[in-house]
N, C-alpha and C. Protein backbone atom coordinates (compact mmCIF):
# COMPACT_ATOMS: atom_id res chain seq x y z
N UNK A 1 -4.85 2.12 -17.32
CA UNK A 1 -3.94 2.08 -16.18
C UNK A 1 -4.74 1.83 -14.89
N UNK A 2 -4.19 1.06 -14.01
CA UNK A 2 -4.85 0.75 -12.74
C UNK A 2 -4.75 1.94 -11.80
N UNK A 3 -5.80 2.25 -11.12
CA UNK A 3 -5.76 3.40 -10.22
C UNK A 3 -5.10 3.01 -8.89
N UNK A 4 -4.49 3.97 -8.22
CA UNK A 4 -3.71 3.73 -6.99
C UNK A 4 -4.53 3.13 -5.88
N UNK A 5 -5.78 3.52 -5.77
CA UNK A 5 -6.59 3.01 -4.68
C UNK A 5 -6.68 1.49 -4.77
N UNK A 6 -6.87 0.97 -5.96
CA UNK A 6 -6.94 -0.46 -6.15
C UNK A 6 -5.62 -1.12 -5.78
N UNK A 7 -4.51 -0.55 -6.22
CA UNK A 7 -3.20 -1.10 -5.91
C UNK A 7 -2.93 -1.02 -4.41
N UNK A 8 -3.18 0.09 -3.81
CA UNK A 8 -2.91 0.28 -2.39
C UNK A 8 -3.75 -0.64 -1.52
N UNK A 9 -4.99 -0.86 -1.89
CA UNK A 9 -5.86 -1.70 -1.08
C UNK A 9 -5.35 -3.14 -0.97
N UNK A 10 -4.55 -3.59 -1.91
CA UNK A 10 -4.02 -4.95 -1.86
C UNK A 10 -2.57 -4.99 -1.38
N UNK A 11 -2.06 -3.85 -0.91
CA UNK A 11 -0.67 -3.76 -0.48
C UNK A 11 -0.54 -4.01 1.03
N UNK A 12 0.52 -4.69 1.39
CA UNK A 12 0.80 -4.99 2.80
C UNK A 12 1.11 -3.72 3.61
N UNK A 13 1.60 -2.68 2.94
CA UNK A 13 1.96 -1.42 3.61
C UNK A 13 0.77 -0.49 3.85
N UNK A 14 -0.40 -0.83 3.37
CA UNK A 14 -1.59 0.02 3.47
C UNK A 14 -2.44 -0.50 4.62
N UNK A 15 -2.62 0.30 5.65
CA UNK A 15 -3.36 -0.17 6.82
C UNK A 15 -4.24 0.95 7.37
N UNK A 16 -5.21 0.56 8.20
CA UNK A 16 -6.13 1.52 8.80
C UNK A 16 -5.51 2.08 10.08
N UNK A 17 -5.35 3.39 10.13
CA UNK A 17 -4.80 4.06 11.31
C UNK A 17 -5.97 4.60 12.13
N UNK A 18 -6.15 4.04 13.31
CA UNK A 18 -7.28 4.43 14.15
C UNK A 18 -7.14 5.86 14.67
N UNK A 19 -5.92 6.36 14.82
CA UNK A 19 -5.73 7.73 15.29
C UNK A 19 -6.22 8.75 14.26
N UNK A 20 -5.95 8.48 12.98
CA UNK A 20 -6.38 9.37 11.90
C UNK A 20 -7.74 8.99 11.32
N UNK A 21 -8.23 7.79 11.69
CA UNK A 21 -9.50 7.28 11.21
C UNK A 21 -9.55 7.18 9.68
N UNK A 22 -8.45 6.71 9.10
CA UNK A 22 -8.38 6.51 7.65
C UNK A 22 -7.24 5.54 7.32
N UNK A 23 -7.20 5.12 6.08
CA UNK A 23 -6.12 4.24 5.63
C UNK A 23 -4.90 5.06 5.27
N UNK A 24 -3.73 4.56 5.61
CA UNK A 24 -2.47 5.25 5.32
C UNK A 24 -1.45 4.23 4.81
N UNK A 25 -0.43 4.76 4.13
CA UNK A 25 0.67 3.93 3.65
C UNK A 25 1.80 4.03 4.66
N UNK A 26 2.29 2.89 5.14
CA UNK A 26 3.36 2.93 6.13
C UNK A 26 4.74 2.89 5.50
N UNK A 27 4.82 2.87 4.16
CA UNK A 27 6.12 2.91 3.48
C UNK A 27 6.73 4.30 3.69
N UNK A 28 8.03 4.34 3.76
CA UNK A 28 8.74 5.60 3.98
C UNK A 28 8.92 6.32 2.65
N UNK A 29 7.89 7.10 2.23
CA UNK A 29 7.93 7.81 0.96
C UNK A 29 8.71 9.12 1.10
N UNK A 30 9.49 9.44 0.07
CA UNK A 30 10.16 10.75 0.10
C UNK A 30 9.16 11.82 -0.36
N UNK A 31 9.58 13.05 -0.38
CA UNK A 31 8.67 14.17 -0.66
C UNK A 31 8.03 14.06 -2.05
N UNK A 32 8.80 13.71 -3.06
CA UNK A 32 8.26 13.57 -4.41
C UNK A 32 7.28 12.41 -4.51
N UNK A 33 7.62 11.29 -3.90
CA UNK A 33 6.73 10.13 -3.93
C UNK A 33 5.43 10.43 -3.20
N UNK A 34 5.51 11.10 -2.07
CA UNK A 34 4.30 11.44 -1.31
C UNK A 34 3.41 12.38 -2.12
N UNK A 35 4.01 13.33 -2.80
CA UNK A 35 3.25 14.25 -3.64
C UNK A 35 2.51 13.49 -4.74
N UNK A 36 3.18 12.56 -5.38
CA UNK A 36 2.54 11.74 -6.41
C UNK A 36 1.44 10.87 -5.82
N UNK A 37 1.69 10.31 -4.66
CA UNK A 37 0.69 9.47 -3.99
C UNK A 37 -0.57 10.27 -3.68
N UNK A 38 -0.42 11.47 -3.15
CA UNK A 38 -1.57 12.29 -2.79
C UNK A 38 -2.34 12.78 -4.02
N UNK A 39 -1.65 12.94 -5.14
CA UNK A 39 -2.31 13.36 -6.38
C UNK A 39 -2.86 12.17 -7.16
N UNK A 40 -2.68 10.97 -6.62
CA UNK A 40 -3.12 9.74 -7.25
C UNK A 40 -2.45 9.52 -8.61
N UNK A 41 -1.16 9.86 -8.68
CA UNK A 41 -0.38 9.65 -9.91
C UNK A 41 0.87 8.82 -9.62
N UNK A 42 0.86 8.04 -8.56
CA UNK A 42 2.01 7.25 -8.15
C UNK A 42 1.82 5.82 -8.66
N UNK A 43 2.29 5.57 -9.89
CA UNK A 43 2.13 4.27 -10.52
C UNK A 43 3.40 3.45 -10.35
N UNK A 44 3.26 2.15 -10.36
CA UNK A 44 4.40 1.23 -10.22
C UNK A 44 5.17 1.51 -8.93
N UNK A 45 4.48 1.49 -7.84
CA UNK A 45 5.07 1.78 -6.53
C UNK A 45 6.21 0.79 -6.22
N UNK A 46 7.40 1.30 -5.90
CA UNK A 46 8.51 0.41 -5.59
C UNK A 46 8.37 -0.27 -4.22
N UNK A 47 7.45 0.20 -3.40
CA UNK A 47 7.25 -0.35 -2.06
C UNK A 47 6.08 -1.33 -2.00
N UNK A 48 5.44 -1.57 -3.13
CA UNK A 48 4.27 -2.44 -3.16
C UNK A 48 4.65 -3.87 -2.77
N UNK A 49 3.93 -4.39 -1.79
CA UNK A 49 4.09 -5.79 -1.38
C UNK A 49 2.69 -6.37 -1.29
N UNK A 50 2.43 -7.36 -2.10
CA UNK A 50 1.09 -7.92 -2.11
C UNK A 50 0.77 -8.52 -0.76
N UNK A 51 -0.34 -8.12 -0.22
CA UNK A 51 -0.81 -8.66 1.05
C UNK A 51 -1.35 -10.06 0.80
N UNK A 52 -0.78 -11.03 1.49
CA UNK A 52 -1.16 -12.42 1.26
C UNK A 52 -1.43 -13.08 2.61
N UNK A 53 -2.70 -13.14 2.97
CA UNK A 53 -3.09 -13.71 4.26
C UNK A 53 -2.83 -15.20 4.35
N UNK A 54 -2.70 -15.88 3.23
CA UNK A 54 -2.53 -17.33 3.23
C UNK A 54 -1.08 -17.76 3.07
N UNK A 55 -0.15 -16.83 3.10
CA UNK A 55 1.27 -17.14 2.92
C UNK A 55 1.77 -18.10 4.01
N UNK A 56 1.40 -17.86 5.25
CA UNK A 56 1.83 -18.70 6.36
C UNK A 56 1.23 -20.10 6.24
N UNK A 57 -0.03 -20.16 5.84
CA UNK A 57 -0.70 -21.44 5.71
C UNK A 57 0.00 -22.31 4.66
N UNK A 58 0.38 -21.73 3.53
CA UNK A 58 1.07 -22.48 2.49
C UNK A 58 2.40 -23.03 2.98
N UNK A 59 3.09 -22.30 3.84
CA UNK A 59 4.37 -22.77 4.36
C UNK A 59 4.17 -23.95 5.30
N UNK A 60 3.03 -24.03 5.97
CA UNK A 60 2.77 -25.10 6.92
C UNK A 60 2.43 -26.42 6.23
N UNK A 61 2.00 -26.33 4.98
CA UNK A 61 1.59 -27.54 4.25
C UNK A 61 2.80 -28.29 3.73
């Protein structure tokens, strides 16, 4: 099984928060989902959106 850190690092919702000085998920997780996320047992995230820096470039071509 793929670990959450790997999945989160490629997600559009995962960003570096300078106030907290760490990476956070900006998806609106409910209490159960947040608990799973913090325990690193949150698999098949329904909020996962692959971060694609070249998406705009492909549309321009």
